[in-house]
Amino acid sequence: MEYLTPLIYRKILNTITQIYHNSAKDPEWDLFRFKDVLDSFSEGQIINKAWAVEELNKFITDDYDACLVIGSWHGLFSHMLAESGFDKKIVNVDLDPICNIIAKQLKVYDNIRFKDNDGIDLFPKFNYDNKIVVCTACEHIDNEELDFMIRQKKPKLLMCLQSNNYYEVDSHINCSDTLEDFIASLPLKKILYAGKKNYKNKYDRFMVIGK
């Protein structure tokens, strides 16, 4: 199944042009945002998000009425989830307000929303049995905060979590050596899916879906 429409690529090109114009007027719009946008839609990101959508969809029922995406970057996962047929509300949360401005420009589906916030702080408002919580960037989140959030979750709340063993990136503060280590770090009561993918012999990405 394809998870990206041609429209998103036109929007990426338009957004890069807008970043260029904004950078001439506003110092917060540094030209590094060019690479940031392209990185967020890289081959590796698309593979990982498509993997998450494909496996998560096997466990989504009509009972679930919203999805919270923590550390959403430019919203790629939410776009792919909506493209796959999920028509309930998807709320993307990221600490970087410019990421959210860019993500809004890239948005294709009307059921997608964006919030400037810390996803861990916003979690209690989504902590219900009929919600889905996704974080494909657990390597960026302090392990104690992630552990605390999971321990508070409602029994039927569905979680999809990814991390990796790519220690070379400074902002990767919570990597795991192996899939087994990642599973052990997550206090989920029930594991529905666990898997790993190797990316170009550089690192392994791990994914766990559970309740």
N, C-alpha and C. Protein backbone atom coordinates (compact mmCIF):
# COMPACT_ATOMS: atom_id res chain seq x y z
N MET A 1 0.85 -1.20 0.00
CA MET A 1 0.00 0.00 0.00
C MET A 1 0.88 1.25 0.00
N GLU A 2 0.51 2.21 -0.83
CA GLU A 2 1.25 3.47 -0.86
C GLU A 2 0.74 4.38 0.25
N TYR A 3 1.67 5.05 0.94
CA TYR A 3 1.30 5.91 2.05
C TYR A 3 1.65 7.37 1.81
N LEU A 4 2.12 7.71 0.61
CA LEU A 4 2.43 9.10 0.30
C LEU A 4 1.81 9.47 -1.04
N THR A 5 1.05 10.55 -1.05
CA THR A 5 0.45 11.03 -2.28
C THR A 5 1.41 11.98 -2.99
N PRO A 6 1.32 12.12 -4.31
CA PRO A 6 2.17 13.08 -5.02
C PRO A 6 2.04 14.51 -4.48
N LEU A 7 0.86 14.83 -3.93
CA LEU A 7 0.65 16.18 -3.41
C LEU A 7 1.65 16.54 -2.33
N ILE A 8 2.05 15.56 -1.51
CA ILE A 8 2.96 15.88 -0.42
C ILE A 8 4.31 16.33 -0.95
N TYR A 9 4.74 15.79 -2.09
CA TYR A 9 6.03 16.19 -2.65
C TYR A 9 5.97 17.61 -3.20
N ARG A 10 4.85 17.98 -3.78
CA ARG A 10 4.69 19.37 -4.24
C ARG A 10 4.70 20.31 -3.05
N LYS A 11 4.08 19.88 -1.96
CA LYS A 11 4.06 20.70 -0.75
C LYS A 11 5.46 20.85 -0.15
N ILE A 12 6.27 19.80 -0.22
CA ILE A 12 7.64 19.88 0.28
C ILE A 12 8.43 20.92 -0.50
N LEU A 13 8.31 20.90 -1.83
CA LEU A 13 9.02 21.88 -2.65
C LEU A 13 8.55 23.30 -2.36
N ASN A 14 7.25 23.48 -2.20
CA ASN A 14 6.72 24.80 -1.87
C ASN A 14 7.20 25.28 -0.50
N THR A 15 7.28 24.34 0.44
CA THR A 15 7.71 24.67 1.80
C THR A 15 9.18 25.08 1.82
N ILE A 16 10.01 24.40 1.07
CA ILE A 16 11.43 24.76 1.00
C ILE A 16 11.60 26.16 0.42
N THR A 17 10.80 26.48 -0.58
CA THR A 17 10.83 27.85 -1.14
C THR A 17 10.42 28.87 -0.08
N GLN A 18 9.40 28.54 0.71
CA GLN A 18 8.94 29.45 1.76
C GLN A 18 9.99 29.63 2.85
N ILE A 19 10.70 28.54 3.19
CA ILE A 19 11.78 28.63 4.18
C ILE A 19 12.85 29.60 3.70
N TYR A 20 13.19 29.51 2.41
CA TYR A 20 14.20 30.41 1.84
C TYR A 20 13.78 31.87 2.00
N HIS A 21 12.52 32.18 1.66
CA HIS A 21 12.04 33.56 1.77
C HIS A 21 11.99 34.01 3.23
N ASN A 22 11.54 33.12 4.13
CA ASN A 22 11.46 33.47 5.55
C ASN A 22 12.83 33.73 6.14
N SER A 23 13.85 32.98 5.68
CA SER A 23 15.19 33.11 6.24
C SER A 23 15.79 34.48 5.98
N ALA A 24 15.32 35.16 4.94
CA ALA A 24 15.82 36.51 4.62
C ALA A 24 15.26 37.56 5.56
N LYS A 25 14.17 37.22 6.27
CA LYS A 25 13.51 38.21 7.12
C LYS A 25 13.53 37.86 8.60
N ASP A 26 13.66 36.58 8.93
CA ASP A 26 13.50 36.15 10.31
C ASP A 26 14.65 35.21 10.68
N PRO A 27 15.49 35.58 11.66
CA PRO A 27 16.65 34.74 12.02
C PRO A 27 16.27 33.37 12.57
N GLU A 28 15.03 33.21 13.04
CA GLU A 28 14.61 31.90 13.54
C GLU A 28 14.45 30.88 12.42
N TRP A 29 14.31 31.41 11.18
CA TRP A 29 14.15 30.51 10.03
C TRP A 29 15.51 30.31 9.37
N ASP A 30 16.37 29.61 10.08
CA ASP A 30 17.70 29.32 9.57
C ASP A 30 17.60 28.38 8.37
N LEU A 31 18.58 28.46 7.48
CA LEU A 31 18.55 27.62 6.28
C LEU A 31 18.76 26.14 6.59
N PHE A 32 19.16 25.81 7.82
CA PHE A 32 19.27 24.39 8.17
C PHE A 32 17.90 23.72 8.09
N ARG A 33 16.83 24.53 8.11
CA ARG A 33 15.48 23.95 7.99
C ARG A 33 15.29 23.24 6.66
N PHE A 34 16.04 23.64 5.63
CA PHE A 34 16.00 22.91 4.36
C PHE A 34 16.28 21.42 4.62
N LYS A 35 17.44 21.20 5.24
CA LYS A 35 17.87 19.82 5.48
C LYS A 35 16.96 19.11 6.47
N ASP A 36 16.46 19.86 7.44
CA ASP A 36 15.57 19.28 8.43
C ASP A 36 14.31 18.71 7.77
N VAL A 37 13.72 19.47 6.84
CA VAL A 37 12.54 19.00 6.12
C VAL A 37 12.88 17.77 5.28
N LEU A 38 13.98 17.86 4.54
CA LEU A 38 14.36 16.73 3.69
C LEU A 38 14.69 15.49 4.52
N ASP A 39 15.35 15.68 5.67
CA ASP A 39 15.66 14.55 6.55
C ASP A 39 14.38 13.89 7.08
N SER A 40 13.37 14.71 7.36
CA SER A 40 12.14 14.15 7.94
C SER A 40 11.33 13.35 6.92
N PHE A 41 11.66 13.51 5.63
CA PHE A 41 11.01 12.73 4.58
C PHE A 41 12.03 11.86 3.84
N SER A 42 13.10 11.50 4.53
CA SER A 42 14.15 10.67 3.92
C SER A 42 13.66 9.24 3.72
N GLU A 43 14.46 8.48 3.00
CA GLU A 43 14.12 7.08 2.76
C GLU A 43 13.93 6.32 4.06
N GLY A 44 14.86 6.51 4.99
CA GLY A 44 14.77 5.81 6.27
C GLY A 44 13.53 6.17 7.04
N GLN A 45 13.19 7.46 7.08
CA GLN A 45 11.98 7.90 7.78
C GLN A 45 10.72 7.31 7.16
N ILE A 46 10.67 7.31 5.84
CA ILE A 46 9.49 6.76 5.16
C ILE A 46 9.36 5.26 5.43
N ILE A 47 10.47 4.53 5.39
CA ILE A 47 10.44 3.10 5.67
C ILE A 47 9.94 2.84 7.08
N ASN A 48 10.47 3.58 8.06
CA ASN A 48 10.11 3.36 9.45
C ASN A 48 8.67 3.73 9.75
N LYS A 49 8.20 4.84 9.17
CA LYS A 49 6.82 5.25 9.42
C LYS A 49 5.84 4.31 8.73
N ALA A 50 6.16 3.87 7.52
CA ALA A 50 5.29 2.93 6.81
C ALA A 50 5.20 1.61 7.58
N TRP A 51 6.31 1.18 8.13
CA TRP A 51 6.34 -0.03 8.96
C TRP A 51 5.42 0.13 10.17
N ALA A 52 5.50 1.28 10.83
CA ALA A 52 4.65 1.54 11.99
C ALA A 52 3.18 1.54 11.60
N VAL A 53 2.84 2.21 10.51
CA VAL A 53 1.44 2.28 10.05
C VAL A 53 0.92 0.89 9.71
N GLU A 54 1.71 0.13 8.98
CA GLU A 54 1.28 -1.20 8.55
C GLU A 54 1.00 -2.12 9.73
N GLU A 55 1.89 -2.14 10.71
CA GLU A 55 1.71 -3.03 11.86
C GLU A 55 0.65 -2.51 12.82
N LEU A 56 0.62 -1.20 13.04
CA LEU A 56 -0.35 -0.63 13.96
C LEU A 56 -1.77 -0.83 13.47
N ASN A 57 -1.97 -0.71 12.17
CA ASN A 57 -3.32 -0.87 11.62
C ASN A 57 -3.92 -2.24 11.90
N LYS A 58 -3.10 -3.23 12.17
CA LYS A 58 -3.60 -4.58 12.47
C LYS A 58 -4.31 -4.62 13.82
N PHE A 59 -4.08 -3.61 14.65
CA PHE A 59 -4.65 -3.61 16.01
C PHE A 59 -5.63 -2.46 16.24
N ILE A 60 -5.81 -1.60 15.25
CA ILE A 60 -6.74 -0.49 15.40
C ILE A 60 -8.16 -0.97 15.08
N THR A 61 -9.05 -0.75 16.00
CA THR A 61 -10.47 -1.08 15.80
C THR A 61 -11.29 0.21 15.82
N ASP A 62 -12.59 0.08 15.57
CA ASP A 62 -13.47 1.25 15.59
C ASP A 62 -13.59 1.86 16.97
N ASP A 63 -13.14 1.15 18.00
CA ASP A 63 -13.22 1.67 19.36
C ASP A 63 -12.30 2.88 19.57
N TYR A 64 -11.24 2.96 18.77
CA TYR A 64 -10.26 4.03 18.95
C TYR A 64 -10.70 5.27 18.17
N ASP A 65 -10.76 6.42 18.88
CA ASP A 65 -11.30 7.62 18.23
C ASP A 65 -10.29 8.76 18.08
N ALA A 66 -9.02 8.54 18.46
CA ALA A 66 -8.01 9.58 18.29
C ALA A 66 -6.63 8.99 18.46
N CYS A 67 -5.65 9.66 17.85
CA CYS A 67 -4.26 9.24 17.95
C CYS A 67 -3.40 10.43 18.32
N LEU A 68 -2.56 10.26 19.33
CA LEU A 68 -1.59 11.28 19.75
C LEU A 68 -0.21 10.85 19.26
N VAL A 69 0.47 11.75 18.54
CA VAL A 69 1.82 11.47 18.05
C VAL A 69 2.79 12.36 18.81
N ILE A 70 3.65 11.76 19.60
CA ILE A 70 4.61 12.49 20.43
C ILE A 70 5.93 12.65 19.67
N GLY A 71 6.43 13.88 19.62
CA GLY A 71 7.66 14.14 18.88
C GLY A 71 7.43 13.97 17.39
N SER A 72 6.44 14.70 16.88
CA SER A 72 5.92 14.44 15.53
C SER A 72 6.76 15.00 14.40
N TRP A 73 7.72 15.90 14.72
CA TRP A 73 8.61 16.50 13.73
C TRP A 73 7.77 17.24 12.68
N HIS A 74 7.78 16.83 11.43
CA HIS A 74 6.98 17.50 10.40
C HIS A 74 5.73 16.71 10.01
N GLY A 75 5.33 15.78 10.86
CA GLY A 75 4.04 15.13 10.70
C GLY A 75 3.97 13.99 9.71
N LEU A 76 5.12 13.40 9.34
CA LEU A 76 5.09 12.33 8.34
C LEU A 76 4.24 11.15 8.77
N PHE A 77 4.40 10.71 10.04
CA PHE A 77 3.62 9.55 10.48
C PHE A 77 2.13 9.82 10.38
N SER A 78 1.70 11.01 10.83
CA SER A 78 0.26 11.31 10.81
C SER A 78 -0.28 11.33 9.39
N HIS A 79 0.52 11.85 8.45
CA HIS A 79 0.10 11.85 7.05
C HIS A 79 -0.07 10.43 6.54
N MET A 80 0.87 9.57 6.85
CA MET A 80 0.83 8.20 6.36
C MET A 80 -0.31 7.41 7.01
N LEU A 81 -0.56 7.68 8.29
CA LEU A 81 -1.68 7.01 8.97
C LEU A 81 -3.01 7.43 8.35
N ALA A 82 -3.16 8.73 8.09
CA ALA A 82 -4.38 9.21 7.44
C ALA A 82 -4.51 8.65 6.03
N GLU A 83 -3.42 8.60 5.32
CA GLU A 83 -3.42 8.06 3.96
C GLU A 83 -3.84 6.59 3.94
N SER A 84 -3.54 5.88 5.02
CA SER A 84 -3.89 4.46 5.10
C SER A 84 -5.37 4.23 5.39
N GLY A 85 -6.09 5.30 5.72
CA GLY A 85 -7.53 5.18 5.93
C GLY A 85 -8.01 5.56 7.31
N PHE A 86 -7.11 5.91 8.22
CA PHE A 86 -7.52 6.33 9.57
C PHE A 86 -8.09 7.73 9.49
N ASP A 87 -9.40 7.87 9.74
CA ASP A 87 -10.06 9.17 9.56
C ASP A 87 -10.46 9.84 10.87
N LYS A 88 -10.00 9.29 11.99
CA LYS A 88 -10.25 9.93 13.28
C LYS A 88 -9.20 11.02 13.52
N LYS A 89 -9.36 11.76 14.59
CA LYS A 89 -8.45 12.87 14.89
C LYS A 89 -7.03 12.36 15.17
N ILE A 90 -6.05 13.02 14.55
CA ILE A 90 -4.64 12.74 14.81
C ILE A 90 -4.00 14.04 15.31
N VAL A 91 -3.46 14.02 16.52
CA VAL A 91 -2.87 15.20 17.12
C VAL A 91 -1.35 15.02 17.18
N ASN A 92 -0.63 15.86 16.45
CA ASN A 92 0.83 15.86 16.45
C ASN A 92 1.33 16.84 17.51
N VAL A 93 2.29 16.42 18.31
CA VAL A 93 2.83 17.29 19.36
C VAL A 93 4.35 17.37 19.20
N ASP A 94 4.86 18.58 19.13
CA ASP A 94 6.30 18.78 19.04
C ASP A 94 6.68 20.05 19.81
N LEU A 95 7.85 20.03 20.42
CA LEU A 95 8.31 21.18 21.19
C LEU A 95 8.73 22.35 20.31
N ASP A 96 9.08 22.08 19.07
CA ASP A 96 9.60 23.11 18.17
C ASP A 96 8.44 23.75 17.40
N PRO A 97 8.08 25.00 17.70
CA PRO A 97 6.94 25.62 17.02
C PRO A 97 7.14 25.78 15.52
N ILE A 98 8.38 25.97 15.08
CA ILE A 98 8.62 26.11 13.64
C ILE A 98 8.39 24.78 12.93
N CYS A 99 8.73 23.68 13.59
CA CYS A 99 8.39 22.37 13.02
C CYS A 99 6.90 22.27 12.75
N ASN A 100 6.11 22.77 13.69
CA ASN A 100 4.65 22.69 13.52
C ASN A 100 4.15 23.64 12.44
N ILE A 101 4.77 24.80 12.31
CA ILE A 101 4.40 25.71 11.22
C ILE A 101 4.66 25.03 9.88
N ILE A 102 5.82 24.42 9.75
CA ILE A 102 6.16 23.71 8.52
C ILE A 102 5.20 22.54 8.30
N ALA A 103 4.94 21.79 9.36
CA ALA A 103 4.06 20.63 9.25
C ALA A 103 2.65 21.03 8.78
N LYS A 104 2.17 22.18 9.24
CA LYS A 104 0.85 22.65 8.80
C LYS A 104 0.84 22.96 7.31
N GLN A 105 1.97 23.46 6.80
CA GLN A 105 2.06 23.75 5.37
C GLN A 105 2.08 22.46 4.54
N LEU A 106 2.58 21.39 5.15
CA LEU A 106 2.67 20.11 4.46
C LEU A 106 1.40 19.27 4.60
N LYS A 107 0.50 19.69 5.47
CA LYS A 107 -0.69 18.89 5.77
C LYS A 107 -1.58 18.70 4.55
N VAL A 108 -2.07 17.48 4.38
CA VAL A 108 -2.99 17.14 3.29
C VAL A 108 -4.38 16.81 3.82
N TYR A 109 -4.44 16.15 4.99
CA TYR A 109 -5.71 15.64 5.51
C TYR A 109 -6.26 16.53 6.63
N ASP A 110 -7.58 16.73 6.62
CA ASP A 110 -8.23 17.64 7.55
C ASP A 110 -8.31 17.10 8.97
N ASN A 111 -8.12 15.80 9.16
CA ASN A 111 -8.23 15.24 10.51
C ASN A 111 -6.92 15.33 11.29
N ILE A 112 -5.93 16.00 10.72
CA ILE A 112 -4.62 16.14 11.36
C ILE A 112 -4.51 17.50 12.05
N ARG A 113 -4.03 17.49 13.30
CA ARG A 113 -3.85 18.71 14.09
C ARG A 113 -2.42 18.78 14.59
N PHE A 114 -2.01 19.99 15.02
CA PHE A 114 -0.65 20.19 15.52
C PHE A 114 -0.69 21.03 16.79
N LYS A 115 0.15 20.67 17.76
CA LYS A 115 0.25 21.42 19.01
C LYS A 115 1.71 21.64 19.38
N ASP A 116 2.01 22.87 19.84
CA ASP A 116 3.34 23.18 20.37
C ASP A 116 3.33 22.78 21.85
N ASN A 117 3.96 21.66 22.16
CA ASN A 117 3.90 21.21 23.55
C ASN A 117 4.89 20.06 23.73
N ASP A 118 5.05 19.66 24.97
CA ASP A 118 5.79 18.45 25.31
C ASP A 118 4.78 17.30 25.33
N GLY A 119 5.01 16.30 24.51
CA GLY A 119 4.05 15.20 24.41
C GLY A 119 3.85 14.45 25.71
N ILE A 120 4.91 14.34 26.52
CA ILE A 120 4.79 13.67 27.82
C ILE A 120 3.85 14.46 28.72
N ASP A 121 3.95 15.80 28.67
CA ASP A 121 3.07 16.64 29.50
C ASP A 121 1.63 16.57 29.02
N LEU A 122 1.42 16.43 27.72
CA LEU A 122 0.07 16.40 27.16
C LEU A 122 -0.59 15.03 27.30
N PHE A 123 0.21 14.01 27.54
CA PHE A 123 -0.30 12.64 27.60
C PHE A 123 -1.51 12.45 28.50
N PRO A 124 -1.54 13.02 29.73
CA PRO A 124 -2.71 12.78 30.60
C PRO A 124 -4.05 13.13 29.96
N LYS A 125 -4.08 14.11 29.06
CA LYS A 125 -5.33 14.49 28.41
C LYS A 125 -5.77 13.45 27.38
N PHE A 126 -4.87 12.55 26.99
CA PHE A 126 -5.19 11.51 26.01
C PHE A 126 -5.19 10.12 26.65
N ASN A 127 -5.03 10.06 27.96
CA ASN A 127 -4.89 8.77 28.62
C ASN A 127 -6.25 8.13 28.88
N TYR A 128 -6.83 7.60 27.81
CA TYR A 128 -8.12 6.91 27.87
C TYR A 128 -8.02 5.61 27.07
N ASP A 129 -8.89 4.66 27.41
CA ASP A 129 -8.85 3.35 26.76
C ASP A 129 -9.12 3.41 25.27
N ASN A 130 -9.76 4.47 24.78
CA ASN A 130 -10.11 4.55 23.35
C ASN A 130 -9.13 5.42 22.56
N LYS A 131 -7.92 5.60 23.07
CA LYS A 131 -6.92 6.42 22.39
C LYS A 131 -5.72 5.56 21.94
N ILE A 132 -5.00 6.12 20.96
CA ILE A 132 -3.75 5.54 20.47
C ILE A 132 -2.64 6.56 20.72
N VAL A 133 -1.51 6.11 21.22
CA VAL A 133 -0.36 6.99 21.42
C VAL A 133 0.82 6.41 20.67
N VAL A 134 1.43 7.25 19.84
CA VAL A 134 2.56 6.83 19.00
C VAL A 134 3.77 7.72 19.29
N CYS A 135 4.92 7.09 19.43
CA CYS A 135 6.18 7.83 19.49
C CYS A 135 7.22 7.03 18.71
N THR A 136 7.60 7.53 17.56
CA THR A 136 8.61 6.85 16.75
C THR A 136 10.00 7.43 17.00
N ALA A 137 10.13 8.17 18.10
CA ALA A 137 11.42 8.83 18.42
C ALA A 137 11.74 8.67 19.90
N CYS A 138 11.55 7.48 20.44
CA CYS A 138 11.82 7.27 21.87
C CYS A 138 13.29 7.49 22.22
N GLU A 139 14.17 7.39 21.23
CA GLU A 139 15.60 7.63 21.48
C GLU A 139 15.87 9.07 21.89
N HIS A 140 14.90 9.96 21.64
CA HIS A 140 15.05 11.38 21.99
C HIS A 140 14.43 11.71 23.35
N ILE A 141 13.81 10.74 24.01
CA ILE A 141 13.06 11.01 25.24
C ILE A 141 13.75 10.35 26.43
N ASP A 142 13.87 11.10 27.51
CA ASP A 142 14.47 10.59 28.73
C ASP A 142 13.76 9.31 29.17
N ASN A 143 14.52 8.28 29.51
CA ASN A 143 13.93 6.98 29.82
C ASN A 143 13.02 7.02 31.04
N GLU A 144 13.38 7.81 32.04
CA GLU A 144 12.55 7.90 33.24
C GLU A 144 11.19 8.53 32.91
N GLU A 145 11.19 9.55 32.05
CA GLU A 145 9.93 10.19 31.67
C GLU A 145 9.07 9.22 30.85
N LEU A 146 9.70 8.49 29.94
CA LEU A 146 8.96 7.52 29.13
C LEU A 146 8.38 6.41 30.00
N ASP A 147 9.18 5.93 30.92
CA ASP A 147 8.74 4.87 31.84
C ASP A 147 7.55 5.35 32.67
N PHE A 148 7.64 6.57 33.21
CA PHE A 148 6.56 7.12 34.04
C PHE A 148 5.27 7.23 33.23
N MET A 149 5.36 7.71 31.99
CA MET A 149 4.18 7.86 31.15
C MET A 149 3.50 6.52 30.91
N ILE A 150 4.30 5.52 30.55
CA ILE A 150 3.71 4.21 30.23
C ILE A 150 3.06 3.59 31.46
N ARG A 151 3.65 3.78 32.62
CA ARG A 151 3.08 3.20 33.84
C ARG A 151 1.73 3.84 34.21
N GLN A 152 1.47 5.05 33.70
CA GLN A 152 0.21 5.73 34.01
C GLN A 152 -0.91 5.36 33.03
N LYS A 153 -0.58 4.70 31.93
CA LYS A 153 -1.55 4.51 30.85
C LYS A 153 -2.72 3.63 31.27
N LYS A 154 -3.87 3.90 30.64
CA LYS A 154 -5.06 3.08 30.84
C LYS A 154 -4.85 1.72 30.18
N PRO A 155 -5.51 0.67 30.70
CA PRO A 155 -5.22 -0.69 30.25
C PRO A 155 -5.39 -0.95 28.75
N LYS A 156 -6.40 -0.31 28.14
CA LYS A 156 -6.67 -0.60 26.73
C LYS A 156 -6.08 0.43 25.77
N LEU A 157 -5.45 1.47 26.30
CA LEU A 157 -4.80 2.45 25.44
C LEU A 157 -3.72 1.73 24.62
N LEU A 158 -3.72 1.97 23.32
CA LEU A 158 -2.81 1.29 22.40
C LEU A 158 -1.58 2.16 22.15
N MET A 159 -0.39 1.57 22.31
CA MET A 159 0.84 2.33 22.12
C MET A 159 1.69 1.70 21.02
N CYS A 160 2.31 2.57 20.23
CA CYS A 160 3.28 2.14 19.21
C CYS A 160 4.55 2.95 19.44
N LEU A 161 5.65 2.28 19.74
CA LEU A 161 6.88 2.94 20.14
C LEU A 161 8.06 2.43 19.32
N GLN A 162 8.91 3.36 18.89
CA GLN A 162 10.13 3.00 18.16
C GLN A 162 11.35 3.63 18.82
N SER A 163 12.47 2.92 18.72
CA SER A 163 13.76 3.47 19.13
C SER A 163 14.82 2.84 18.23
N ASN A 164 16.10 3.04 18.56
CA ASN A 164 17.16 2.47 17.75
C ASN A 164 18.44 2.34 18.57
N ASN A 165 19.48 1.81 17.91
CA ASN A 165 20.81 1.73 18.55
C ASN A 165 21.81 2.61 17.82
N TYR A 166 21.32 3.77 17.36
CA TYR A 166 22.15 4.72 16.61
C TYR A 166 22.69 5.77 17.57
N TYR A 167 23.73 5.44 18.29
CA TYR A 167 24.26 6.27 19.35
C TYR A 167 25.03 7.49 18.85
N GLU A 168 25.34 7.52 17.56
CA GLU A 168 26.21 8.57 17.03
C GLU A 168 25.57 9.96 17.04
N VAL A 169 24.26 10.04 17.15
CA VAL A 169 23.55 11.32 17.15
C VAL A 169 23.46 11.85 18.58
N ASP A 170 23.91 13.07 18.81
CA ASP A 170 23.97 13.63 20.16
C ASP A 170 22.60 13.66 20.85
N SER A 171 21.56 13.93 20.09
CA SER A 171 20.22 14.04 20.69
C SER A 171 19.58 12.68 20.97
N HIS A 172 20.26 11.60 20.59
CA HIS A 172 19.76 10.25 20.90
C HIS A 172 20.20 9.88 22.31
N ILE A 173 19.39 10.25 23.28
CA ILE A 173 19.75 10.09 24.69
C ILE A 173 19.20 8.81 25.31
N ASN A 174 18.43 8.05 24.53
CA ASN A 174 17.76 6.87 25.10
C ASN A 174 17.74 5.73 24.10
N CYS A 175 18.90 5.40 23.56
CA CYS A 175 19.00 4.27 22.63
C CYS A 175 18.97 2.95 23.40
N SER A 176 18.72 1.87 22.68
CA SER A 176 18.80 0.51 23.23
C SER A 176 19.73 -0.31 22.35
N ASP A 177 20.48 -1.21 22.97
CA ASP A 177 21.42 -2.02 22.19
C ASP A 177 20.69 -3.01 21.28
N THR A 178 19.64 -3.62 21.80
CA THR A 178 18.93 -4.68 21.08
C THR A 178 17.42 -4.49 21.23
N LEU A 179 16.66 -5.22 20.42
CA LEU A 179 15.21 -5.21 20.55
C LEU A 179 14.80 -5.69 21.93
N GLU A 180 15.48 -6.71 22.43
CA GLU A 180 15.15 -7.24 23.75
C GLU A 180 15.36 -6.19 24.84
N ASP A 181 16.42 -5.39 24.70
CA ASP A 181 16.66 -4.31 25.67
C ASP A 181 15.56 -3.26 25.61
N PHE A 182 15.13 -2.94 24.39
CA PHE A 182 14.07 -1.95 24.23
C PHE A 182 12.77 -2.46 24.86
N ILE A 183 12.42 -3.71 24.61
CA ILE A 183 11.21 -4.29 25.20
C ILE A 183 11.30 -4.23 26.73
N ALA A 184 12.46 -4.59 27.26
CA ALA A 184 12.64 -4.63 28.72
C ALA A 184 12.52 -3.25 29.35
N SER A 185 12.80 -2.20 28.57
CA SER A 185 12.73 -0.83 29.10
C SER A 185 11.32 -0.27 29.13
N LEU A 186 10.36 -0.98 28.52
CA LEU A 186 8.99 -0.50 28.40
C LEU A 186 8.07 -1.28 29.33
N PRO A 187 7.48 -0.63 30.33
CA PRO A 187 6.62 -1.35 31.27
C PRO A 187 5.19 -1.59 30.74
N LEU A 188 5.11 -2.11 29.52
CA LEU A 188 3.81 -2.45 28.95
C LEU A 188 3.33 -3.78 29.54
N LYS A 189 2.02 -3.88 29.75
CA LYS A 189 1.45 -5.10 30.32
C LYS A 189 1.34 -6.21 29.27
N LYS A 190 1.12 -5.80 28.00
CA LYS A 190 0.89 -6.79 26.94
C LYS A 190 1.60 -6.34 25.67
N ILE A 191 2.47 -7.19 25.14
CA ILE A 191 3.16 -6.91 23.89
C ILE A 191 2.37 -7.56 22.74
N LEU A 192 1.93 -6.74 21.80
CA LEU A 192 1.17 -7.24 20.65
C LEU A 192 2.08 -7.49 19.45
N TYR A 193 3.13 -6.71 19.35
CA TYR A 193 4.08 -6.85 18.24
C TYR A 193 5.43 -6.32 18.69
N ALA A 194 6.49 -6.98 18.24
CA ALA A 194 7.85 -6.50 18.46
C ALA A 194 8.70 -6.90 17.27
N GLY A 195 9.47 -5.97 16.74
CA GLY A 195 10.29 -6.28 15.57
C GLY A 195 11.42 -5.30 15.42
N LYS A 196 12.32 -5.60 14.49
CA LYS A 196 13.43 -4.70 14.20
C LYS A 196 13.71 -4.68 12.71
N LYS A 197 14.26 -3.56 12.26
CA LYS A 197 14.69 -3.40 10.88
C LYS A 197 16.09 -2.80 10.88
N ASN A 198 16.95 -3.36 10.04
CA ASN A 198 18.29 -2.80 9.89
C ASN A 198 18.29 -1.82 8.73
N TYR A 199 18.93 -0.68 8.94
CA TYR A 199 19.00 0.33 7.88
C TYR A 199 20.42 0.44 7.34
N LYS A 200 20.63 -0.08 6.15
CA LYS A 200 21.90 0.04 5.41
C LYS A 200 23.12 -0.35 6.26
N ASN A 201 22.93 -1.35 7.11
CA ASN A 201 24.02 -1.83 7.97
C ASN A 201 24.59 -0.75 8.89
N LYS A 202 23.82 0.34 9.10
CA LYS A 202 24.27 1.43 9.96
C LYS A 202 23.73 1.29 11.38
N TYR A 203 22.47 0.91 11.50
CA TYR A 203 21.86 0.78 12.81
C TYR A 203 20.59 -0.04 12.68
N ASP A 204 20.07 -0.47 13.83
CA ASP A 204 18.80 -1.19 13.90
C ASP A 204 17.73 -0.27 14.47
N ARG A 205 16.55 -0.31 13.89
CA ARG A 205 15.40 0.38 14.47
C ARG A 205 14.48 -0.67 15.06
N PHE A 206 13.99 -0.40 16.27
CA PHE A 206 13.14 -1.33 16.99
C PHE A 206 11.73 -0.77 17.11
N MET A 207 10.74 -1.64 17.08
CA MET A 207 9.36 -1.20 17.26
C MET A 207 8.60 -2.17 18.14
N VAL A 208 7.83 -1.61 19.07
CA VAL A 208 6.98 -2.38 19.96
C VAL A 208 5.58 -1.77 19.94
N ILE A 209 4.59 -2.61 19.78
CA ILE A 209 3.18 -2.21 19.87
C ILE A 209 2.58 -2.99 21.03
N GLY A 210 1.90 -2.30 21.92
CA GLY A 210 1.36 -3.00 23.07
C GLY A 210 0.35 -2.20 23.84
N LYS A 211 -0.09 -2.78 24.95
CA LYS A 211 -1.07 -2.15 25.84
C LYS A 211 -0.58 -2.22 27.28
